[in-house]
């Protein structure tokens, strides 16, 4: 029997983008404003000059890469999804910006490239099979950074999610579709396993499943330190609020010595 591919190698294709990403709670206009606000925050916190070389690790369809390129940064976007990279390239052409796009696993950052900053946002960390593989990602980021280079990571806050954990919920989307989320938390591995089921307005059913290792702040800080990265600041959301157990996000800025 052929070995089943890891979920993250097959999920981020057209069905995910059309039925799950685009069916989120925000309209297209709200999504654009939300991304603008995120990039405003990233630019302020990285505090790097225009022309600095940035790597958007797990860049998806390029919403952050394109905006950062428009602000004068030299951008490289890396992602495992060929479909998302095609969307990203189209967005870059539309915006009139030049970006280097790399179709690679996040553990495979080109060893000869050196960056002033690396960003990994929208909970794109913790997908891999075990903690050791996630550590390889951080080790690769540290190698790719110049001395004094900065790493910006944004993920869900483990403590907040656990405090309000529910096994399932559903909601109706503006177009009349129904979306169900079923969740299970594995206390032995620290992974949240999620099934998404969407019934569209025509009654057609679409399903996606994924599994994410959610690290606590203490765990992530230890892994960053092992990679040679020192945490400089932490926030609880993109509005700059103080990080706490109740924070919706864990937004961390680390630096290479």
Protein backbone atom coordinates (compact mmCIF):
# COMPACT_ATOMS: atom_id res chain seq x y z
CA UNK A 1 0.00 0.00 0.00
CA UNK A 2 1.34 3.43 -0.95
CA UNK A 3 2.18 5.68 1.95
CA UNK A 4 -0.33 8.49 2.38
CA UNK A 5 1.07 11.96 1.80
CA UNK A 6 1.14 14.35 4.77
CA UNK A 7 -1.95 16.58 4.84
CA UNK A 8 0.03 19.78 4.24
CA UNK A 9 1.29 18.45 0.89
CA UNK A 10 -2.22 18.06 -0.54
CA UNK A 11 -4.49 20.51 1.29
CA UNK A 12 -3.52 23.90 -0.09
CA UNK A 13 -4.91 23.57 -3.58
CA UNK A 14 -7.91 25.00 -5.39
CA UNK A 15 -10.61 23.41 -3.19
CA UNK A 16 -9.03 24.86 -0.04
CA UNK A 17 -8.73 28.33 -1.55
CA UNK A 18 -12.21 28.39 -3.14
CA UNK A 19 -14.25 26.68 -0.45
CA UNK A 20 -12.43 27.31 2.82
CA UNK A 21 -10.15 30.35 2.56
CA UNK A 22 -12.60 32.44 0.53
CA UNK A 23 -15.49 31.26 2.72
CA UNK A 24 -13.99 32.84 5.83
CA UNK A 25 -15.75 35.45 7.97
CA UNK A 26 -14.34 38.47 6.10
CA UNK A 27 -15.36 39.91 2.74
CA UNK A 28 -12.70 40.42 0.06
CA UNK A 29 -12.51 44.12 0.94
CA UNK A 30 -12.24 43.37 4.67
CA UNK A 31 -9.55 40.78 3.94
CA UNK A 32 -7.51 43.37 2.02
CA UNK A 33 -7.76 45.91 4.84
CA UNK A 34 -6.85 43.22 7.38
CA UNK A 35 -3.74 42.28 5.39
CA UNK A 36 -2.80 45.98 5.09
CA UNK A 37 -2.99 46.34 8.88
CA UNK A 38 -0.88 43.23 9.39
CA UNK A 39 1.81 44.49 7.02
CA UNK A 40 1.79 47.90 8.75
CA UNK A 41 2.52 46.11 12.02
CA UNK A 42 5.18 43.81 10.51
CA UNK A 43 7.02 46.76 8.95
CA UNK A 44 7.02 48.72 12.21
CA UNK A 45 8.21 45.80 14.31
CA UNK A 46 10.87 44.47 11.94
CA UNK A 47 12.17 48.04 11.69
CA UNK A 48 14.30 47.34 8.61
CA UNK A 49 15.17 49.86 5.87
CA UNK A 50 13.63 49.76 2.42
CA UNK A 51 15.63 47.47 0.18
CA UNK A 52 16.17 44.95 2.99
CA UNK A 53 15.94 41.31 1.84
CA UNK A 54 12.93 39.54 3.35
CA UNK A 55 11.80 35.93 3.11
CA UNK A 56 8.08 35.22 3.43
CA UNK A 57 8.20 31.59 4.56
CA UNK A 58 4.97 29.75 3.67
CA UNK A 59 3.87 32.76 1.65
CA UNK A 60 0.62 31.23 0.38
CA UNK A 61 -1.00 33.33 -2.33
CA UNK A 62 1.33 36.22 -1.58
CA UNK A 63 -0.87 38.74 0.23
CA UNK A 64 1.99 39.80 2.55
CA UNK A 65 4.83 39.39 0.03
CA UNK A 66 3.16 41.65 -2.53
CA UNK A 67 2.37 44.36 -0.01
CA UNK A 68 5.90 44.30 1.38
CA UNK A 69 7.35 44.52 -2.14
CA UNK A 70 5.12 47.53 -2.77
CA UNK A 71 6.74 49.15 0.25
CA UNK A 72 10.20 48.79 -1.18
CA UNK A 73 11.49 45.52 0.28
CA UNK A 74 13.36 42.91 -1.76
CA UNK A 75 11.02 39.94 -1.40
CA UNK A 76 11.36 36.19 -1.71
CA UNK A 77 8.25 34.06 -1.20
CA UNK A 78 8.57 30.34 -0.47
CA UNK A 79 5.69 27.87 -0.41
CA UNK A 80 5.01 24.17 -0.96
CA UNK A 81 1.74 24.76 -2.84
CA UNK A 82 2.21 25.21 -6.59
CA UNK A 83 -1.40 26.40 -6.83
CA UNK A 84 -0.91 29.15 -4.26
CA UNK A 85 2.31 30.23 -5.95
CA UNK A 86 0.46 30.62 -9.25
CA UNK A 87 -2.02 32.90 -7.48
CA UNK A 88 0.85 34.80 -5.85
CA UNK A 89 2.61 35.35 -9.18
CA UNK A 90 -0.62 36.69 -10.67
CA UNK A 91 -1.07 39.09 -7.75
CA UNK A 92 2.52 40.32 -8.11
CA UNK A 93 2.04 40.96 -11.83
CA UNK A 94 -1.20 42.82 -11.12
CA UNK A 95 0.56 44.96 -8.50
CA UNK A 96 3.56 45.59 -10.76
CA UNK A 97 6.16 44.24 -8.33
CA UNK A 98 9.02 41.80 -8.81
CA UNK A 99 9.26 38.97 -6.30
CA UNK A 100 11.35 35.80 -6.30
CA UNK A 101 9.06 32.79 -5.82
CA UNK A 102 10.40 29.45 -4.59
CA UNK A 103 8.42 26.19 -4.77
CA UNK A 104 9.93 24.39 -1.78
CA UNK A 105 9.30 22.74 1.57
CA UNK A 106 9.79 25.18 4.46
CA UNK A 107 12.72 23.04 5.67
CA UNK A 108 14.46 23.68 2.36
CA UNK A 109 15.50 27.34 2.48
CA UNK A 110 18.37 27.82 -0.03
CA UNK A 111 21.55 27.57 2.02
CA UNK A 112 23.42 30.28 0.12
CA UNK A 113 20.71 32.92 0.57
CA UNK A 114 21.02 35.43 3.39
CA UNK A 115 18.14 37.59 4.54
CA UNK A 116 17.72 40.64 6.76
CA UNK A 117 14.37 39.32 7.93
CA UNK A 118 12.15 36.24 7.75
CA UNK A 119 8.42 36.16 8.43
CA UNK A 120 6.16 33.16 9.04
CA UNK A 121 2.57 34.23 9.64
CA UNK A 122 -1.05 33.04 9.83
CA UNK A 123 -0.22 29.89 11.84
CA UNK A 124 2.08 28.36 9.23
CA UNK A 125 4.30 26.68 11.83
CA UNK A 126 3.64 23.32 13.50
CA UNK A 127 2.40 21.46 10.42
CA UNK A 128 5.24 18.93 10.26
CA UNK A 129 5.20 15.42 11.66
CA UNK A 130 6.98 16.05 14.97
CA UNK A 131 8.79 18.64 17.07
CA UNK A 132 12.15 17.65 15.63
CA UNK A 133 11.03 18.56 12.11
CA UNK A 134 9.71 21.91 13.37
CA UNK A 135 13.08 22.53 15.01
CA UNK A 136 14.74 21.98 11.63
CA UNK A 137 12.62 24.82 10.26
CA UNK A 138 13.84 27.21 12.95
CA UNK A 139 17.43 26.05 12.48
CA UNK A 140 17.11 26.78 8.76
CA UNK A 141 15.69 30.23 9.44
CA UNK A 142 18.60 31.02 11.74
CA UNK A 143 21.09 29.92 9.07
CA UNK A 144 19.34 32.05 6.46
CA UNK A 145 19.45 35.22 8.55
CA UNK A 146 22.34 37.64 8.48
CA UNK A 147 23.87 38.52 11.87
CA UNK A 148 21.35 40.83 13.53
CA UNK A 149 18.61 39.53 11.22
CA UNK A 150 15.06 39.36 12.55
CA UNK A 151 12.43 36.64 12.56
CA UNK A 152 8.72 37.51 12.86
CA UNK A 153 6.32 34.65 13.61
CA UNK A 154 2.57 34.75 14.20
CA UNK A 155 0.58 31.75 15.37
CA UNK A 156 -2.46 30.91 17.47
CA UNK A 157 -2.03 31.29 21.21
CA UNK A 158 -2.12 27.77 22.68
CA UNK A 159 -3.33 28.89 26.11
CA UNK A 160 -6.21 30.96 24.76
CA UNK A 161 -7.34 28.20 22.43
CA UNK A 162 -7.33 25.60 25.20
CA UNK A 163 -9.33 27.86 27.53
CA UNK A 164 -12.21 28.04 25.03
CA UNK A 165 -11.78 24.71 23.27
CA UNK A 166 -14.92 23.16 21.80
CA UNK A 167 -15.19 19.91 19.89
CA UNK A 168 -17.39 21.34 17.16
CA UNK A 169 -19.25 24.36 15.92
CA UNK A 170 -20.93 25.49 12.73
CA UNK A 171 -21.91 28.74 11.11
CA UNK A 172 -23.77 30.00 8.08
CA UNK A 173 -21.86 31.97 5.46
CA UNK A 174 -23.18 35.04 3.64
CA UNK A 175 -23.84 33.03 0.46
CA UNK A 176 -26.00 30.50 2.34
CA UNK A 177 -23.33 27.80 2.68
CA UNK A 178 -22.95 25.96 5.98
CA UNK A 179 -19.56 25.22 7.52
CA UNK A 180 -18.90 22.71 10.30
CA UNK A 181 -15.63 22.41 12.22
CA UNK A 182 -14.84 19.30 14.28
CA UNK A 183 -11.80 19.37 16.55
CA UNK A 184 -9.85 16.96 18.73
CA UNK A 185 -6.87 17.86 20.90
CA UNK A 186 -4.19 15.23 21.53
CA UNK A 187 -2.73 15.91 24.97
CA UNK A 188 0.21 13.57 24.30
CA UNK A 189 1.45 15.36 21.18
CA UNK A 190 0.04 18.86 21.69
CA UNK A 191 -1.65 18.68 18.28
CA UNK A 192 -5.07 19.95 17.33
CA UNK A 193 -6.70 17.78 14.66
CA UNK A 194 -9.42 19.53 12.69
CA UNK A 195 -12.01 18.44 10.12
CA UNK A 196 -13.69 21.13 8.04
CA UNK A 197 -16.95 20.29 6.29
CA UNK A 198 -18.63 22.80 4.01
CA UNK A 199 -22.01 22.30 2.37
CA UNK A 200 -22.31 24.89 -0.36
CA UNK A 201 -25.49 26.65 -1.46
CA UNK A 202 -26.04 23.95 -4.11
CA UNK A 203 -25.89 21.21 -1.48
CA UNK A 204 -22.45 19.94 -2.53
CA UNK A 205 -20.20 18.77 0.30
CA UNK A 206 -16.49 19.66 0.57
CA UNK A 207 -14.10 18.36 3.24
CA UNK A 208 -10.58 19.18 4.45
CA UNK A 209 -8.60 17.89 7.42
CA UNK A 210 -5.45 19.19 9.06
CA UNK A 211 -3.31 18.75 12.15
CA UNK A 212 -1.28 21.50 13.80
CA UNK A 213 1.15 21.34 16.72
CA UNK A 214 0.34 24.34 18.90
CA UNK A 215 3.35 25.40 20.94
CA UNK A 216 3.16 27.32 24.18
CA UNK A 217 5.25 30.47 24.45
CA UNK A 218 7.71 28.65 26.72
CA UNK A 219 8.14 25.82 24.21
CA UNK A 220 8.58 28.17 21.25
CA UNK A 221 11.08 30.36 23.08
CA UNK A 222 13.18 27.29 23.96
CA UNK A 223 13.16 26.14 20.33
CA UNK A 224 14.13 29.58 19.07
CA UNK A 225 16.96 29.72 21.59
CA UNK A 226 18.20 26.29 20.48
CA UNK A 227 18.32 27.63 16.92
CA UNK A 228 20.36 30.66 18.01
CA UNK A 229 17.50 33.17 17.99
CA UNK A 230 16.68 35.44 20.93
CA UNK A 231 13.14 36.68 21.58
CA UNK A 232 13.06 40.49 21.63
CA UNK A 233 9.33 41.22 21.87
CA UNK A 234 6.01 39.38 22.04
CA UNK A 235 2.48 40.65 21.40
CA UNK A 236 -1.00 39.20 21.73
CA UNK A 237 -2.36 40.46 18.41
CA UNK A 238 -1.59 42.76 15.50
CA UNK A 239 -2.91 45.74 17.44
CA UNK A 240 0.19 45.52 19.64
CA UNK A 241 -1.62 44.43 22.80
CA UNK A 242 0.36 42.80 25.60
CA UNK A 243 0.72 39.04 25.31
CA UNK A 244 -1.23 37.08 27.93
CA UNK A 245 -3.10 33.80 28.38
CA UNK A 246 -6.19 35.49 26.92
CA UNK A 247 -4.47 36.83 23.80
CA UNK A 248 -5.91 35.49 20.52
CA UNK A 249 -2.49 35.33 18.84
CA UNK A 250 1.14 34.75 19.79
CA UNK A 251 3.20 37.22 17.75
CA UNK A 252 6.94 36.96 18.36
CA UNK A 253 9.94 38.94 17.14
CA UNK A 254 13.29 37.18 17.53
CA UNK A 255 16.79 38.17 16.48
CA UNK A 256 19.95 36.38 15.44
CA UNK A 257 23.06 37.41 17.36
